[in-house]
Amino acid sequence: MAEFIRIYEENPNPKEIDRVVAVLKRGGLIIYPTDTVYGLGCDINNLRALERVAQIRGVKLEKANFSFVCHDLSHLSDYVKQIDTATFKILKRALPGPYTFILPGSNSLPNPFKKKKTVGIRIPANNIALEIVKKLGNPIISTSIHDDDAVIEYTTDPELILEKWDNLVDLVIDGGYGDNYASTVIDLSEDEPVVIREGKGSLEIF
């Protein structure tokens, strides 16, 4: 049975954030709100938790395309090769926001991702997600939770999310209704930006 806690985005309660971080630190999986759809996440440094997420997703961990959810751009140098000024300006302009940026991975990626040439970086404009990552002290690995209904694509109601995920995760955060549009995914790993998926984030940032 998953814990179910309500956290308000305008002013997240530090004690509730501490509860979430405690779950992550002991290898738990959480479902949490972002500025787009609800995400499934775990501590980037916990191998067992990473394997559980990959298993739920039905992919091999080393081949999984999970996003690294960061608190701010200061985490970049830990996971991303040095980027040029133009790329940094795009990130600065767009983040925090509803974007996932694919960037060249560095040599210091966590073990399961060592062979990956690129990583997806996400800094959502959602205080709950940002406070969790800030308090944890490192990024969380994240993937969107899809709905079985082909028409809906993403579940937006936290109570319905709990119903479906109760036995798969350790904690579900009710941060209000989620969005039904995923992040815009932009590949910045080559010379020119390439739009991989147009989602909630406007393409006018370029």
C-alpha atoms as a PDB file:
ATOM      1  CA  MET A   1       0.000   0.000   0.000  1.00  0.00           C
ATOM      2  CA  ALA A   2       1.401   3.378  -1.022  1.00  0.00           C
ATOM      3  CA  GLU A   3       1.395   6.383   1.295  1.00  0.00           C
ATOM      4  CA  PHE A   4      -0.858   9.153  -0.021  1.00  0.00           C
ATOM      5  CA  ILE A   5      -0.048  12.697   1.027  1.00  0.00           C
ATOM      6  CA  ARG A   6      -1.404  16.074  -0.003  1.00  0.00           C
ATOM      7  CA  ILE A   7       1.163  18.801  -0.655  1.00  0.00           C
ATOM      8  CA  TYR A   8       0.245  22.305  -1.784  1.00  0.00           C
ATOM      9  CA  GLU A   9       2.371  23.690  -4.593  1.00  0.00           C
ATOM     10  CA  GLU A  10       2.117  27.346  -3.530  1.00  0.00           C
ATOM     11  CA  ASN A  11       3.809  26.631  -0.202  1.00  0.00           C
ATOM     12  CA  PRO A  12       4.999  23.018   0.173  1.00  0.00           C
ATOM     13  CA  ASN A  13       5.082  21.918   3.821  1.00  0.00           C
ATOM     14  CA  PRO A  14       8.744  21.148   4.710  1.00  0.00           C
ATOM     15  CA  LYS A  15       7.683  18.220   6.946  1.00  0.00           C
ATOM     16  CA  GLU A  16       5.810  16.610   4.055  1.00  0.00           C
ATOM     17  CA  ILE A  17       8.796  17.182   1.756  1.00  0.00           C
ATOM     18  CA  ASP A  18      10.985  15.472   4.398  1.00  0.00           C
ATOM     19  CA  ARG A  19       8.612  12.468   4.365  1.00  0.00           C
ATOM     20  CA  VAL A  20       8.954  12.169   0.584  1.00  0.00           C
ATOM     21  CA  VAL A  21      12.748  12.474   0.732  1.00  0.00           C
ATOM     22  CA  ALA A  22      12.915   9.792   3.444  1.00  0.00           C
ATOM     23  CA  VAL A  23      11.031   7.411   1.116  1.00  0.00           C
ATOM     24  CA  LEU A  24      13.425   8.193  -1.746  1.00  0.00           C
ATOM     25  CA  LYS A  25      16.504   7.721   0.431  1.00  0.00           C
ATOM     26  CA  ARG A  26      15.418   4.255   1.476  1.00  0.00           C
ATOM     27  CA  GLY A  27      14.976   3.238  -2.156  1.00  0.00           C
ATOM     28  CA  GLY A  28      11.271   3.982  -2.543  1.00  0.00           C
ATOM     29  CA  LEU A  29       9.408   4.990  -5.677  1.00  0.00           C
ATOM     30  CA  ILE A  30       7.208   8.075  -5.718  1.00  0.00           C
ATOM     31  CA  ILE A  31       4.585   9.526  -8.022  1.00  0.00           C
ATOM     32  CA  TYR A  32       4.740  13.294  -7.926  1.00  0.00           C
ATOM     33  CA  PRO A  33       3.383  16.357  -9.752  1.00  0.00           C
ATOM     34  CA  THR A  34       5.368  18.410 -12.248  1.00  0.00           C
ATOM     35  CA  ASP A  35       4.467  21.416 -14.399  1.00  0.00           C
ATOM     36  CA  THR A  36       3.134  18.945 -16.989  1.00  0.00           C
ATOM     37  CA  VAL A  37       2.008  15.376 -16.240  1.00  0.00           C
ATOM     38  CA  TYR A  38       2.503  13.323 -13.085  1.00  0.00           C
ATOM     39  CA  GLY A  39       5.842  11.524 -12.976  1.00  0.00           C
ATOM     40  CA  LEU A  40       7.198   8.289 -11.511  1.00  0.00           C
ATOM     41  CA  GLY A  41      10.524   8.943  -9.823  1.00  0.00           C
ATOM     42  CA  CYS A  42      13.291   7.585  -7.600  1.00  0.00           C
ATOM     43  CA  ASP A  43      16.707   8.587  -6.257  1.00  0.00           C
ATOM     44  CA  ILE A  44      19.240   8.641  -9.099  1.00  0.00           C
ATOM     45  CA  ASN A  45      21.835   7.018  -6.799  1.00  0.00           C
ATOM     46  CA  ASN A  46      19.763   4.026  -5.698  1.00  0.00           C
ATOM     47  CA  LEU A  47      20.353   1.108  -8.061  1.00  0.00           C
ATOM     48  CA  ARG A  48      17.562  -1.076  -6.667  1.00  0.00           C
ATOM     49  CA  ALA A  49      15.033   1.731  -7.082  1.00  0.00           C
ATOM     50  CA  LEU A  50      16.247   2.430 -10.626  1.00  0.00           C
ATOM     51  CA  GLU A  51      15.789  -1.248 -11.491  1.00  0.00           C
ATOM     52  CA  ARG A  52      12.237  -1.180 -10.111  1.00  0.00           C
ATOM     53  CA  VAL A  53      11.355   1.802 -12.324  1.00  0.00           C
ATOM     54  CA  ALA A  54      12.867   0.083 -15.371  1.00  0.00           C
ATOM     55  CA  GLN A  55      10.926  -3.092 -14.572  1.00  0.00           C
ATOM     56  CA  ILE A  56       7.646  -1.164 -14.315  1.00  0.00           C
ATOM     57  CA  ARG A  57       8.437   0.492 -17.629  1.00  0.00           C
ATOM     58  CA  GLY A  58       9.362  -2.855 -19.200  1.00  0.00           C
ATOM     59  CA  VAL A  59      12.817  -1.717 -20.344  1.00  0.00           C
ATOM     60  CA  LYS A  60      16.418  -2.614 -19.572  1.00  0.00           C
ATOM     61  CA  LEU A  61      17.857  -0.052 -17.184  1.00  0.00           C
ATOM     62  CA  GLU A  62      20.936   0.743 -19.285  1.00  0.00           C
ATOM     63  CA  LYS A  63      18.731   1.390 -22.342  1.00  0.00           C
ATOM     64  CA  ALA A  64      16.023   3.381 -20.556  1.00  0.00           C
ATOM     65  CA  ASN A  65      15.478   7.012 -21.546  1.00  0.00           C
ATOM     66  CA  PHE A  66      14.629   8.472 -18.160  1.00  0.00           C
ATOM     67  CA  SER A  67      14.817  12.187 -17.416  1.00  0.00           C
ATOM     68  CA  PHE A  68      17.125  13.574 -14.747  1.00  0.00           C
ATOM     69  CA  VAL A  69      14.995  15.984 -12.728  1.00  0.00           C
ATOM     70  CA  CYS A  70      17.229  18.679 -11.241  1.00  0.00           C
ATOM     71  CA  HIS A  71      16.640  21.583  -8.868  1.00  0.00           C
ATOM     72  CA  ASP A  72      18.605  24.057 -10.984  1.00  0.00           C
ATOM     73  CA  LEU A  73      21.354  24.237 -13.599  1.00  0.00           C
ATOM     74  CA  SER A  74      24.127  23.781 -11.007  1.00  0.00           C
ATOM     75  CA  HIS A  75      23.674  19.982 -11.307  1.00  0.00           C
ATOM     76  CA  LEU A  76      24.477  20.085 -15.019  1.00  0.00           C
ATOM     77  CA  SER A  77      28.244  19.671 -14.769  1.00  0.00           C
ATOM     78  CA  ASP A  78      27.753  16.426 -12.814  1.00  0.00           C
ATOM     79  CA  TYR A  79      25.998  14.709 -15.712  1.00  0.00           C
ATOM     80  CA  VAL A  80      26.528  16.758 -18.859  1.00  0.00           C
ATOM     81  CA  LYS A  81      29.640  17.534 -20.926  1.00  0.00           C
ATOM     82  CA  GLN A  82      30.627  21.176 -21.143  1.00  0.00           C
ATOM     83  CA  ILE A  83      28.097  23.023 -23.277  1.00  0.00           C
ATOM     84  CA  ASP A  84      28.544  26.169 -25.356  1.00  0.00           C
ATOM     85  CA  THR A  85      27.160  29.584 -24.494  1.00  0.00           C
ATOM     86  CA  ALA A  86      24.302  29.417 -27.017  1.00  0.00           C
ATOM     87  CA  THR A  87      23.045  26.122 -25.527  1.00  0.00           C
ATOM     88  CA  PHE A  88      23.334  27.472 -21.984  1.00  0.00           C
ATOM     89  CA  LYS A  89      21.313  30.551 -22.965  1.00  0.00           C
ATOM     90  CA  ILE A  90      18.492  28.350 -24.271  1.00  0.00           C
ATOM     91  CA  LEU A  91      18.449  26.382 -20.997  1.00  0.00           C
ATOM     92  CA  LYS A  92      18.527  29.589 -18.939  1.00  0.00           C
ATOM     93  CA  ARG A  93      15.627  31.029 -20.928  1.00  0.00           C
ATOM     94  CA  ALA A  94      13.457  27.913 -20.807  1.00  0.00           C
ATOM     95  CA  LEU A  95      14.059  26.531 -17.311  1.00  0.00           C
ATOM     96  CA  PRO A  96      12.406  25.989 -14.937  1.00  0.00           C
ATOM     97  CA  GLY A  97       9.686  25.081 -17.415  1.00  0.00           C
ATOM     98  CA  PRO A  98       7.828  22.339 -19.301  1.00  0.00           C
ATOM     99  CA  TYR A  99      10.817  21.148 -21.313  1.00  0.00           C
ATOM    100  CA  THR A 100      13.119  18.144 -21.422  1.00  0.00           C
ATOM    101  CA  PHE A 101      16.486  18.942 -22.981  1.00  0.00           C
ATOM    102  CA  ILE A 102      18.642  16.166 -24.395  1.00  0.00           C
ATOM    103  CA  LEU A 103      22.296  16.997 -23.772  1.00  0.00           C
ATOM    104  CA  PRO A 104      25.616  15.161 -24.249  1.00  0.00           C
ATOM    105  CA  GLY A 105      26.298  12.945 -21.226  1.00  0.00           C
ATOM    106  CA  SER A 106      29.533  13.278 -19.261  1.00  0.00           C
ATOM    107  CA  ASN A 107      31.895  10.537 -18.070  1.00  0.00           C
ATOM    108  CA  SER A 108      30.608  10.901 -14.509  1.00  0.00           C
ATOM    109  CA  LEU A 109      27.112   9.548 -15.153  1.00  0.00           C
ATOM    110  CA  PRO A 110      25.826   7.067 -12.546  1.00  0.00           C
ATOM    111  CA  ASN A 111      26.937   3.488 -13.287  1.00  0.00           C
ATOM    112  CA  PRO A 112      23.782   2.187 -14.999  1.00  0.00           C
ATOM    113  CA  PHE A 113      23.940   5.077 -17.492  1.00  0.00           C
ATOM    114  CA  LYS A 114      27.700   5.070 -18.164  1.00  0.00           C
ATOM    115  CA  LYS A 115      27.283   3.962 -21.779  1.00  0.00           C
ATOM    116  CA  LYS A 116      24.682   6.595 -22.638  1.00  0.00           C
ATOM    117  CA  LYS A 117      25.864   9.309 -24.992  1.00  0.00           C
ATOM    118  CA  THR A 118      23.049  11.695 -24.033  1.00  0.00           C
ATOM    119  CA  VAL A 119      20.855  12.501 -21.036  1.00  0.00           C
ATOM    120  CA  GLY A 120      17.472  14.193 -20.723  1.00  0.00           C
ATOM    121  CA  ILE A 121      17.545  17.088 -18.258  1.00  0.00           C
ATOM    122  CA  ARG A 122      14.352  18.434 -16.709  1.00  0.00           C
ATOM    123  CA  ILE A 123      13.800  21.340 -14.261  1.00  0.00           C
ATOM    124  CA  PRO A 124      10.021  21.571 -13.856  1.00  0.00           C
ATOM    125  CA  ALA A 125       8.341  24.811 -12.804  1.00  0.00           C
ATOM    126  CA  ASN A 126       6.642  23.082  -9.882  1.00  0.00           C
ATOM    127  CA  ASN A 127       7.593  23.910  -6.295  1.00  0.00           C
ATOM    128  CA  ILE A 128       6.799  20.414  -4.996  1.00  0.00           C
ATOM    129  CA  ALA A 129       9.142  18.703  -7.467  1.00  0.00           C
ATOM    130  CA  LEU A 130      11.863  21.332  -6.990  1.00  0.00           C
ATOM    131  CA  GLU A 131      11.728  21.198  -3.182  1.00  0.00           C
ATOM    132  CA  ILE A 132      11.964  17.389  -3.213  1.00  0.00           C
ATOM    133  CA  VAL A 133      15.077  17.427  -5.397  1.00  0.00           C
ATOM    134  CA  LYS A 134      16.624  20.318  -3.441  1.00  0.00           C
ATOM    135  CA  LYS A 135      16.129  18.529  -0.112  1.00  0.00           C
ATOM    136  CA  LEU A 136      17.326  15.184  -1.512  1.00  0.00           C
ATOM    137  CA  GLY A 137      20.551  16.847  -2.656  1.00  0.00           C
ATOM    138  CA  ASN A 138      20.723  15.176  -6.055  1.00  0.00           C
ATOM    139  CA  PRO A 139      18.434  14.618  -9.061  1.00  0.00           C
ATOM    140  CA  ILE A 140      15.685  12.042  -9.264  1.00  0.00           C
ATOM    141  CA  ILE A 141      15.203   9.795 -12.261  1.00  0.00           C
ATOM    142  CA  SER A 142      11.783  10.333 -13.745  1.00  0.00           C
ATOM    143  CA  THR A 143       9.393   9.004 -16.360  1.00  0.00           C
ATOM    144  CA  SER A 144       5.836  10.088 -17.168  1.00  0.00           C
ATOM    145  CA  ILE A 145       2.987   7.881 -15.993  1.00  0.00           C
ATOM    146  CA  HIS A 146       0.800   6.923 -18.933  1.00  0.00           C
ATOM    147  CA  ASP A 147      -2.835   5.934 -18.762  1.00  0.00           C
ATOM    148  CA  ASP A 148      -4.113   2.658 -20.193  1.00  0.00           C
ATOM    149  CA  ASP A 149      -6.851   4.608 -21.971  1.00  0.00           C
ATOM    150  CA  ALA A 150      -5.546   5.529 -25.423  1.00  0.00           C
ATOM    151  CA  VAL A 151      -7.816   8.585 -25.524  1.00  0.00           C
ATOM    152  CA  ILE A 152      -6.653  10.121 -22.232  1.00  0.00           C
ATOM    153  CA  GLU A 153      -2.938   9.207 -22.485  1.00  0.00           C
ATOM    154  CA  TYR A 154      -2.111  10.656 -19.028  1.00  0.00           C
ATOM    155  CA  THR A 155      -3.980  10.256 -15.740  1.00  0.00           C
ATOM    156  CA  THR A 156      -4.558  13.647 -14.123  1.00  0.00           C
ATOM    157  CA  ASP A 157      -6.516  12.796 -10.947  1.00  0.00           C
ATOM    158  CA  PRO A 158      -4.227  11.883  -7.985  1.00  0.00           C
ATOM    159  CA  GLU A 159      -6.873   9.600  -6.419  1.00  0.00           C
ATOM    160  CA  LEU A 160      -7.186   7.593  -9.627  1.00  0.00           C
ATOM    161  CA  ILE A 161      -3.389   7.476  -9.831  1.00  0.00           C
ATOM    162  CA  LEU A 162      -3.291   6.040  -6.292  1.00  0.00           C
ATOM    163  CA  GLU A 163      -5.908   3.449  -7.219  1.00  0.00           C
ATOM    164  CA  LYS A 164      -3.851   2.219 -10.160  1.00  0.00           C
ATOM    165  CA  TRP A 165      -0.340   2.468  -8.652  1.00  0.00           C
ATOM    166  CA  ASP A 166      -1.053   1.557  -5.035  1.00  0.00           C
ATOM    167  CA  ASN A 167       0.867  -1.738  -5.132  1.00  0.00           C
ATOM    168  CA  LEU A 168       3.664  -0.592  -7.450  1.00  0.00           C
ATOM    169  CA  VAL A 169       5.039   2.482  -5.682  1.00  0.00           C
ATOM    170  CA  ASP A 170       5.718   3.560  -2.097  1.00  0.00           C
ATOM    171  CA  LEU A 171       4.222   7.044  -2.082  1.00  0.00           C
ATOM    172  CA  VAL A 172       1.793   9.089  -4.196  1.00  0.00           C
ATOM    173  CA  ILE A 173       1.686  12.865  -3.804  1.00  0.00           C
ATOM    174  CA  ASP A 174      -1.590  14.648  -4.330  1.00  0.00           C
ATOM    175  CA  GLY A 175      -0.457  17.995  -5.684  1.00  0.00           C
ATOM    176  CA  GLY A 176      -3.781  18.780  -7.343  1.00  0.00           C
ATOM    177  CA  TYR A 177      -4.915  17.817 -10.815  1.00  0.00           C
ATOM    178  CA  GLY A 178      -2.080  17.181 -13.267  1.00  0.00           C
ATOM    179  CA  ASP A 179      -1.839  18.348 -16.852  1.00  0.00           C
ATOM    180  CA  ASN A 180      -2.578  16.142 -19.834  1.00  0.00           C
ATOM    181  CA  TYR A 181       0.265  17.528 -21.950  1.00  0.00           C
ATOM    182  CA  ALA A 182       3.785  16.182 -21.565  1.00  0.00           C
ATOM    183  CA  SER A 183       6.939  18.291 -21.745  1.00  0.00           C
ATOM    184  CA  THR A 184       8.384  19.495 -25.026  1.00  0.00           C
ATOM    185  CA  VAL A 185      11.520  17.451 -25.774  1.00  0.00           C
ATOM    186  CA  ILE A 186      14.370  19.237 -27.546  1.00  0.00           C
ATOM    187  CA  ASP A 187      17.671  17.636 -28.524  1.00  0.00           C
ATOM    188  CA  LEU A 188      20.574  20.034 -27.961  1.00  0.00           C
ATOM    189  CA  SER A 189      23.300  17.395 -28.226  1.00  0.00           C
ATOM    190  CA  GLU A 190      24.248  18.325 -31.809  1.00  0.00           C
ATOM    191  CA  ASP A 191      24.988  21.611 -33.582  1.00  0.00           C
ATOM    192  CA  GLU A 192      21.359  22.565 -34.188  1.00  0.00           C
ATOM    193  CA  PRO A 193      18.377  22.119 -31.821  1.00  0.00           C
ATOM    194  CA  VAL A 194      16.013  19.332 -32.919  1.00  0.00           C
ATOM    195  CA  VAL A 195      12.437  19.089 -31.644  1.00  0.00           C
ATOM    196  CA  ILE A 196      11.794  15.451 -30.686  1.00  0.00           C
ATOM    197  CA  ARG A 197       8.306  16.001 -29.245  1.00  0.00           C
ATOM    198  CA  GLU A 198       6.166  19.113 -29.171  1.00  0.00           C
ATOM    199  CA  GLY A 199       4.372  19.259 -25.830  1.00  0.00           C
ATOM    200  CA  LYS A 200       3.391  21.936 -23.346  1.00  0.00           C
ATOM    201  CA  GLY A 201       6.551  24.053 -23.761  1.00  0.00           C
ATOM    202  CA  SER A 202       6.353  26.696 -26.494  1.00  0.00           C
ATOM    203  CA  LEU A 203       8.860  26.490 -29.338  1.00  0.00           C
ATOM    204  CA  GLU A 204       9.140  30.288 -29.355  1.00  0.00           C
ATOM    205  CA  ILE A 205      12.064  30.109 -26.920  1.00  0.00           C
ATOM    206  CA  PHE A 206      14.403  29.855 -29.931  1.00  0.00           C
END
